[in-house]
Amino acid sequence: MHNLFAQYGEVVSAVIITDHYTGRSKGFGFVEMANQREGETAIAELDGFLFNGRNLRVNMARPRTQRPRRRSNDWY
C-alpha cells in the first residue's frame, strides 16, 4: 500500500488495520501523506482503483465519533 500511494507524494505513514485475535486484515487502513495537496491527488487518482483484487475506496479520514466505553465485565 505504501508504494501505491508513494506514486503521488511522500507517504508519512501507512497502516492496514488488523483483527486483534486473528491478525487478519479488517479490509481498511490509513495512509498519511506529507501534505494536503499530495493527499488530495492520491484520493483523486486511487478512489475506485483495483488493488489486490479489491476496488479501493479512498477518502479523507474523519474523526472518530465518541462512543460510551464498554465495561470489561458486567458482573461487578
PDB file of N, CA and C in Angstrom:
ATOM      1  N   MET A   1       0.830  -1.178   0.000  1.00  0.00           N
ATOM      2  CA  MET A   1       0.000   0.000   0.000  1.00  0.00           C
ATOM      3  C   MET A   1       0.883   1.254   0.000  1.00  0.00           C
ATOM      4  N   HIS A   2       1.962   1.220   0.768  1.00  0.00           N
ATOM      5  CA  HIS A   2       2.880   2.357   0.828  1.00  0.00           C
ATOM      6  C   HIS A   2       3.369   2.726  -0.565  1.00  0.00           C
ATOM      7  N   ASN A   3       3.823   1.740  -1.330  1.00  0.00           N
ATOM      8  CA  ASN A   3       4.360   2.006  -2.671  1.00  0.00           C
ATOM      9  C   ASN A   3       3.298   2.564  -3.610  1.00  0.00           C
ATOM     10  N   LEU A   4       2.073   2.100  -3.476  1.00  0.00           N
ATOM     11  CA  LEU A   4       0.985   2.586  -4.320  1.00  0.00           C
ATOM     12  C   LEU A   4       0.759   4.083  -4.098  1.00  0.00           C
ATOM     13  N   PHE A   5       0.671   4.493  -2.847  1.00  0.00           N
ATOM     14  CA  PHE A   5       0.419   5.901  -2.526  1.00  0.00           C
ATOM     15  C   PHE A   5       1.650   6.773  -2.770  1.00  0.00           C
ATOM     16  N   ALA A   6       2.847   6.204  -2.666  1.00  0.00           N
ATOM     17  CA  ALA A   6       4.083   6.969  -2.859  1.00  0.00           C
ATOM     18  C   ALA A   6       4.209   7.510  -4.281  1.00  0.00           C
ATOM     19  N   GLN A   7       3.457   6.963  -5.216  1.00  0.00           N
ATOM     20  CA  GLN A   7       3.458   7.487  -6.583  1.00  0.00           C
ATOM     21  C   GLN A   7       2.908   8.913  -6.638  1.00  0.00           C
ATOM     22  N   TYR A   8       2.188   9.324  -5.591  1.00  0.00           N
ATOM     23  CA  TYR A   8       1.514  10.622  -5.591  1.00  0.00           C
ATOM     24  C   TYR A   8       2.110  11.599  -4.589  1.00  0.00           C
ATOM     25  N   GLY A   9       3.181  11.205  -3.916  1.00  0.00           N
ATOM     26  CA  GLY A   9       3.844  12.096  -2.977  1.00  0.00           C
ATOM     27  C   GLY A   9       4.479  11.328  -1.838  1.00  0.00           C
ATOM     28  N   GLU A  10       4.973  12.063  -0.862  1.00  0.00           N
ATOM     29  CA  GLU A  10       5.655  11.458   0.280  1.00  0.00           C
ATOM     30  C   GLU A  10       4.648  10.849   1.253  1.00  0.00           C
ATOM     31  N   VAL A  11       4.822   9.562   1.528  1.00  0.00           N
ATOM     32  CA  VAL A  11       3.973   8.865   2.492  1.00  0.00           C
ATOM     33  C   VAL A  11       4.639   8.968   3.860  1.00  0.00           C
ATOM     34  N   VAL A  12       3.951   9.577   4.812  1.00  0.00           N
ATOM     35  CA  VAL A  12       4.458   9.720   6.170  1.00  0.00           C
ATOM     36  C   VAL A  12       4.254   8.416   6.931  1.00  0.00           C
ATOM     37  N   SER A  13       3.078   7.810   6.777  1.00  0.00           N
ATOM     38  CA  SER A  13       2.797   6.528   7.422  1.00  0.00           C
ATOM     39  C   SER A  13       1.705   5.805   6.645  1.00  0.00           C
ATOM     40  N   ALA A  14       1.730   4.483   6.748  1.00  0.00           N
ATOM     41  CA  ALA A  14       0.697   3.651   6.123  1.00  0.00           C
ATOM     42  C   ALA A  14       0.495   2.434   7.013  1.00  0.00           C
ATOM     43  N   VAL A  15      -0.749   2.171   7.369  1.00  0.00           N
ATOM     44  CA  VAL A  15      -1.045   1.036   8.240  1.00  0.00           C
ATOM     45  C   VAL A  15      -2.338   0.371   7.782  1.00  0.00           C
ATOM     46  N   ILE A  16      -2.334  -0.948   7.768  1.00  0.00           N
ATOM     47  CA  ILE A  16      -3.541  -1.722   7.487  1.00  0.00           C
ATOM     48  C   ILE A  16      -4.065  -2.211   8.829  1.00  0.00           C
ATOM     49  N   ILE A  17      -5.330  -1.988   9.099  1.00  0.00           N
ATOM     50  CA  ILE A  17      -5.929  -2.362  10.378  1.00  0.00           C
ATOM     51  C   ILE A  17      -6.217  -3.860  10.368  1.00  0.00           C
ATOM     52  N   THR A  18      -5.789  -4.535  11.443  1.00  0.00           N
ATOM     53  CA  THR A  18      -5.970  -5.983  11.539  1.00  0.00           C
ATOM     54  C   THR A  18      -6.772  -6.352  12.781  1.00  0.00           C
ATOM     55  N   ASP A  19      -7.366  -7.526  12.739  1.00  0.00           N
ATOM     56  CA  ASP A  19      -8.102  -8.075  13.871  1.00  0.00           C
ATOM     57  C   ASP A  19      -7.111  -8.423  14.983  1.00  0.00           C
ATOM     58  N   HIS A  20      -7.420  -8.069  16.222  1.00  0.00           N
ATOM     59  CA  HIS A  20      -6.520  -8.316  17.352  1.00  0.00           C
ATOM     60  C   HIS A  20      -6.251  -9.800  17.564  1.00  0.00           C
ATOM     61  N   TYR A  21      -7.242 -10.630  17.326  1.00  0.00           N
ATOM     62  CA  TYR A  21      -7.122 -12.049  17.636  1.00  0.00           C
ATOM     63  C   TYR A  21      -6.566 -12.872  16.485  1.00  0.00           C
ATOM     64  N   THR A  22      -7.032 -12.609  15.266  1.00  0.00           N
ATOM     65  CA  THR A  22      -6.619 -13.433  14.126  1.00  0.00           C
ATOM     66  C   THR A  22      -5.445 -12.850  13.360  1.00  0.00           C
ATOM     67  N   GLY A  23      -5.222 -11.547  13.485  1.00  0.00           N
ATOM     68  CA  GLY A  23      -4.166 -10.899  12.723  1.00  0.00           C
ATOM     69  C   GLY A  23      -4.544 -10.634  11.278  1.00  0.00           C
ATOM     70  N   ARG A  24      -5.758 -11.013  10.888  1.00  0.00           N
ATOM     71  CA  ARG A  24      -6.205 -10.810   9.506  1.00  0.00           C
ATOM     72  C   ARG A  24      -6.656  -9.370   9.301  1.00  0.00           C
ATOM     73  N   SER A  25      -6.476  -8.898   8.070  1.00  0.00           N
ATOM     74  CA  SER A  25      -6.879  -7.544   7.708  1.00  0.00           C
ATOM     75  C   SER A  25      -8.377  -7.363   7.900  1.00  0.00           C
ATOM     76  N   LYS A  26      -8.767  -6.193   8.395  1.00  0.00           N
ATOM     77  CA  LYS A  26     -10.183  -5.857   8.514  1.00  0.00           C
ATOM     78  C   LYS A  26     -10.706  -5.199   7.242  1.00  0.00           C
ATOM     79  N   GLY A  27      -9.832  -5.044   6.245  1.00  0.00           N
ATOM     80  CA  GLY A  27     -10.267  -4.511   4.957  1.00  0.00           C
ATOM     81  C   GLY A  27     -10.158  -3.003   4.825  1.00  0.00           C
ATOM     82  N   PHE A  28      -9.468  -2.356   5.766  1.00  0.00           N
ATOM     83  CA  PHE A  28      -9.257  -0.920   5.633  1.00  0.00           C
ATOM     84  C   PHE A  28      -7.944  -0.533   6.296  1.00  0.00           C
ATOM     85  N   GLY A  29      -7.507   0.657   5.987  1.00  0.00           N
ATOM     86  CA  GLY A  29      -6.263   1.144   6.556  1.00  0.00           C
ATOM     87  C   GLY A  29      -6.200   2.651   6.448  1.00  0.00           C
ATOM     88  N   PHE A  30      -5.069   3.197   6.847  1.00  0.00           N
ATOM     89  CA  PHE A  30      -4.876   4.639   6.836  1.00  0.00           C
ATOM     90  C   PHE A  30      -3.519   4.961   6.238  1.00  0.00           C
ATOM     91  N   VAL A  31      -3.496   5.978   5.397  1.00  0.00           N
ATOM     92  CA  VAL A  31      -2.251   6.473   4.813  1.00  0.00           C
ATOM     93  C   VAL A  31      -2.178   7.959   5.115  1.00  0.00           C
ATOM     94  N   GLU A  32      -1.053   8.391   5.647  1.00  0.00           N
ATOM     95  CA  GLU A  32      -0.841   9.816   5.911  1.00  0.00           C
ATOM     96  C   GLU A  32       0.180  10.330   4.908  1.00  0.00           C
ATOM     97  N   MET A  33      -0.218  11.335   4.158  1.00  0.00           N
ATOM     98  CA  MET A  33       0.658  11.952   3.168  1.00  0.00           C
ATOM     99  C   MET A  33       1.316  13.190   3.784  1.00  0.00           C
ATOM    100  N   ALA A  34       2.423  13.630   3.188  1.00  0.00           N
ATOM    101  CA  ALA A  34       3.203  14.742   3.736  1.00  0.00           C
ATOM    102  C   ALA A  34       2.446  16.065   3.727  1.00  0.00           C
ATOM    103  N   ASN A  35       1.568  16.250   2.737  1.00  0.00           N
ATOM    104  CA  ASN A  35       0.802  17.495   2.718  1.00  0.00           C
ATOM    105  C   ASN A  35      -0.561  17.255   2.069  1.00  0.00           C
ATOM    106  N   GLN A  36      -1.433  18.210   2.240  1.00  0.00           N
ATOM    107  CA  GLN A  36      -2.812  18.056   1.788  1.00  0.00           C
ATOM    108  C   GLN A  36      -2.914  17.905   0.275  1.00  0.00           C
ATOM    109  N   ARG A  37      -2.115  18.651  -0.471  1.00  0.00           N
ATOM    110  CA  ARG A  37      -2.173  18.579  -1.936  1.00  0.00           C
ATOM    111  C   ARG A  37      -1.873  17.164  -2.421  1.00  0.00           C
ATOM    112  N   GLU A  38      -0.828  16.541  -1.866  1.00  0.00           N
ATOM    113  CA  GLU A  38      -0.482  15.175  -2.255  1.00  0.00           C
ATOM    114  C   GLU A  38      -1.588  14.202  -1.853  1.00  0.00           C
ATOM    115  N   GLY A  39      -2.181  14.418  -0.697  1.00  0.00           N
ATOM    116  CA  GLY A  39      -3.287  13.574  -0.260  1.00  0.00           C
ATOM    117  C   GLY A  39      -4.478  13.683  -1.186  1.00  0.00           C
ATOM    118  N   GLU A  40      -4.812  14.902  -1.580  1.00  0.00           N
ATOM    119  CA  GLU A  40      -5.944  15.104  -2.488  1.00  0.00           C
ATOM    120  C   GLU A  40      -5.678  14.475  -3.855  1.00  0.00           C
ATOM    121  N   THR A  41      -4.426  14.546  -4.328  1.00  0.00           N
ATOM    122  CA  THR A  41      -4.073  13.917  -5.600  1.00  0.00           C
ATOM    123  C   THR A  41      -4.216  12.403  -5.498  1.00  0.00           C
ATOM    124  N   ALA A  42      -3.723  11.821  -4.406  1.00  0.00           N
ATOM    125  CA  ALA A  42      -3.836  10.372  -4.208  1.00  0.00           C
ATOM    126  C   ALA A  42      -5.303   9.949  -4.154  1.00  0.00           C
ATOM    127  N   ILE A  43      -6.131  10.720  -3.481  1.00  0.00           N
ATOM    128  CA  ILE A  43      -7.563  10.411  -3.404  1.00  0.00           C
ATOM    129  C   ILE A  43      -8.176  10.430  -4.797  1.00  0.00           C
ATOM    130  N   ALA A  44      -7.898  11.477  -5.553  1.00  0.00           N
ATOM    131  CA  ALA A  44      -8.475  11.616  -6.895  1.00  0.00           C
ATOM    132  C   ALA A  44      -8.043  10.482  -7.818  1.00  0.00           C
ATOM    133  N   GLU A  45      -6.794  10.057  -7.705  1.00  0.00           N
ATOM    134  CA  GLU A  45      -6.265   9.036  -8.605  1.00  0.00           C
ATOM    135  C   GLU A  45      -6.602   7.611  -8.172  1.00  0.00           C
ATOM    136  N   LEU A  46      -6.711   7.367  -6.868  1.00  0.00           N
ATOM    137  CA  LEU A  46      -6.829   5.988  -6.384  1.00  0.00           C
ATOM    138  C   LEU A  46      -8.230   5.573  -5.955  1.00  0.00           C
ATOM    139  N   ASP A  47      -9.148   6.497  -5.789  1.00  0.00           N
ATOM    140  CA  ASP A  47     -10.508   6.112  -5.408  1.00  0.00           C
ATOM    141  C   ASP A  47     -11.110   5.288  -6.543  1.00  0.00           C
ATOM    142  N   GLY A  48     -11.475   4.043  -6.242  1.00  0.00           N
ATOM    143  CA  GLY A  48     -12.018   3.137  -7.246  1.00  0.00           C
ATOM    144  C   GLY A  48     -10.968   2.280  -7.934  1.00  0.00           C
ATOM    145  N   PHE A  49      -9.692   2.491  -7.633  1.00  0.00           N
ATOM    146  CA  PHE A  49      -8.586   1.747  -8.237  1.00  0.00           C
ATOM    147  C   PHE A  49      -8.618   0.287  -7.782  1.00  0.00           C
ATOM    148  N   LEU A  50      -8.380  -0.645  -8.702  1.00  0.00           N
ATOM    149  CA  LEU A  50      -8.342  -2.070  -8.374  1.00  0.00           C
ATOM    150  C   LEU A  50      -6.970  -2.409  -7.800  1.00  0.00           C
ATOM    151  N   PHE A  51      -6.933  -2.863  -6.551  1.00  0.00           N
ATOM    152  CA  PHE A  51      -5.685  -3.172  -5.851  1.00  0.00           C
ATOM    153  C   PHE A  51      -5.837  -4.507  -5.139  1.00  0.00           C
ATOM    154  N   ASN A  52      -4.991  -5.463  -5.476  1.00  0.00           N
ATOM    155  CA  ASN A  52      -5.053  -6.808  -4.877  1.00  0.00           C
ATOM    156  C   ASN A  52      -6.456  -7.407  -4.958  1.00  0.00           C
ATOM    157  N   GLY A  53      -7.103  -7.217  -6.101  1.00  0.00           N
ATOM    158  CA  GLY A  53      -8.422  -7.801  -6.323  1.00  0.00           C
ATOM    159  C   GLY A  53      -9.578  -7.047  -5.695  1.00  0.00           C
ATOM    160  N   ARG A  54      -9.320  -5.884  -5.130  1.00  0.00           N
ATOM    161  CA  ARG A  54     -10.388  -5.104  -4.485  1.00  0.00           C
ATOM    162  C   ARG A  54     -10.381  -3.688  -5.027  1.00  0.00           C
ATOM    163  N   ASN A  55     -11.574  -3.128  -5.179  1.00  0.00           N
ATOM    164  CA  ASN A  55     -11.680  -1.720  -5.564  1.00  0.00           C
ATOM    165  C   ASN A  55     -11.481  -0.871  -4.317  1.00  0.00           C
ATOM    166  N   LEU A  56     -10.491  -0.005  -4.363  1.00  0.00           N
ATOM    167  CA  LEU A  56     -10.217   0.861  -3.217  1.00  0.00           C
ATOM    168  C   LEU A  56     -11.261   1.961  -3.102  1.00  0.00           C
ATOM    169  N   ARG A  57     -11.604   2.274  -1.886  1.00  0.00           N
ATOM    170  CA  ARG A  57     -12.405   3.463  -1.600  1.00  0.00           C
ATOM    171  C   ARG A  57     -11.485   4.373  -0.794  1.00  0.00           C
ATOM    172  N   VAL A  58     -11.067   5.452  -1.411  1.00  0.00           N
ATOM    173  CA  VAL A  58     -10.068   6.335  -0.802  1.00  0.00           C
ATOM    174  C   VAL A  58     -10.717   7.677  -0.512  1.00  0.00           C
ATOM    175  N   ASN A  59     -10.634   8.108   0.751  1.00  0.00           N
ATOM    176  CA  ASN A  59     -11.181   9.404   1.140  1.00  0.00           C
ATOM    177  C   ASN A  59     -10.415   9.936   2.342  1.00  0.00           C
ATOM    178  N   MET A  60     -10.702  11.171   2.695  1.00  0.00           N
ATOM    179  CA  MET A  60     -10.079  11.770   3.877  1.00  0.00           C
ATOM    180  C   MET A  60     -10.620  11.079   5.120  1.00  0.00           C
ATOM    181  N   ALA A  61      -9.750  10.836   6.071  1.00  0.00           N
ATOM    182  CA  ALA A  61     -10.182  10.242   7.334  1.00  0.00           C
ATOM    183  C   ALA A  61     -11.038  11.249   8.090  1.00  0.00           C
ATOM    184  N   ARG A  62     -12.041  10.736   8.762  1.00  0.00           N
ATOM    185  CA  ARG A  62     -12.901  11.574   9.595  1.00  0.00           C
ATOM    186  C   ARG A  62     -12.589  11.277  11.059  1.00  0.00           C
ATOM    187  N   PRO A  63     -12.759  12.257  11.930  1.00  0.00           N
ATOM    188  CA  PRO A  63     -12.538  11.989  13.358  1.00  0.00           C
ATOM    189  C   PRO A  63     -13.487  10.900  13.844  1.00  0.00           C
ATOM    190  N   ARG A  64     -12.996  10.088  14.743  1.00  0.00           N
ATOM    191  CA  ARG A  64     -13.822   9.038  15.326  1.00  0.00           C
ATOM    192  C   ARG A  64     -14.924   9.651  16.170  1.00  0.00           C
ATOM    193  N   THR A  65     -16.116   9.082  16.085  1.00  0.00           N
ATOM    194  CA  THR A  65     -17.206   9.582  16.922  1.00  0.00           C
ATOM    195  C   THR A  65     -17.018   9.049  18.333  1.00  0.00           C
ATOM    196  N   GLN A  66     -17.390   9.851  19.302  1.00  0.00           N
ATOM    197  CA  GLN A  66     -17.288   9.438  20.697  1.00  0.00           C
ATOM    198  C   GLN A  66     -18.388   8.434  21.007  1.00  0.00           C
ATOM    199  N   ARG A  67     -17.991   7.308  21.563  1.00  0.00           N
ATOM    200  CA  ARG A  67     -18.961   6.300  21.992  1.00  0.00           C
ATOM    201  C   ARG A  67     -18.719   6.026  23.468  1.00  0.00           C
ATOM    202  N   PRO A  68     -19.774   5.710  24.200  1.00  0.00           N
ATOM    203  CA  PRO A  68     -19.554   5.372  25.610  1.00  0.00           C
ATOM    204  C   PRO A  68     -18.665   4.136  25.710  1.00  0.00           C
ATOM    205  N   ARG A  69     -17.748   4.150  26.661  1.00  0.00           N
ATOM    206  CA  ARG A  69     -16.866   2.993  26.855  1.00  0.00           C
ATOM    207  C   ARG A  69     -17.666   1.826  27.386  1.00  0.00           C
ATOM    208  N   ARG A  70     -17.349   0.653  26.860  1.00  0.00           N
ATOM    209  CA  ARG A  70     -17.990  -0.558  27.373  1.00  0.00           C
ATOM    210  C   ARG A  70     -17.236  -1.019  28.606  1.00  0.00           C
ATOM    211  N   ARG A  71     -17.988  -1.506  29.563  1.00  0.00           N
ATOM    212  CA  ARG A  71     -17.337  -2.076  30.739  1.00  0.00           C
ATOM    213  C   ARG A  71     -16.775  -3.428  30.354  1.00  0.00           C
ATOM    214  N   SER A  72     -15.623  -3.760  30.889  1.00  0.00           N
ATOM    215  CA  SER A  72     -14.985  -5.020  30.529  1.00  0.00           C
ATOM    216  C   SER A  72     -15.667  -6.212  31.182  1.00  0.00           C
ATOM    217  N   ASN A  73     -16.370  -5.985  32.285  1.00  0.00           N
ATOM    218  CA  ASN A  73     -17.014  -7.100  32.967  1.00  0.00           C
ATOM    219  C   ASN A  73     -18.309  -6.595  33.598  1.00  0.00           C
ATOM    220  N   ASP A  74     -19.424  -7.127  33.149  1.00  0.00           N
ATOM    221  CA  ASP A  74     -20.720  -6.686  33.665  1.00  0.00           C
ATOM    222  C   ASP A  74     -21.101  -7.365  34.977  1.00  0.00           C
ATOM    223  N   TRP A  75     -20.245  -8.201  35.523  1.00  0.00           N
ATOM    224  CA  TRP A  75     -20.565  -8.910  36.758  1.00  0.00           C
ATOM    225  C   TRP A  75     -20.356  -8.041  37.990  1.00  0.00           C
ATOM    226  N   TYR A  76     -19.667  -6.952  37.891  1.00  0.00           N
ATOM    227  CA  TYR A  76     -19.373  -6.133  39.067  1.00  0.00           C
ATOM    228  C   TYR A  76     -20.290  -4.955  39.159  1.00  0.00           C
TER     229      TYR A  76
END
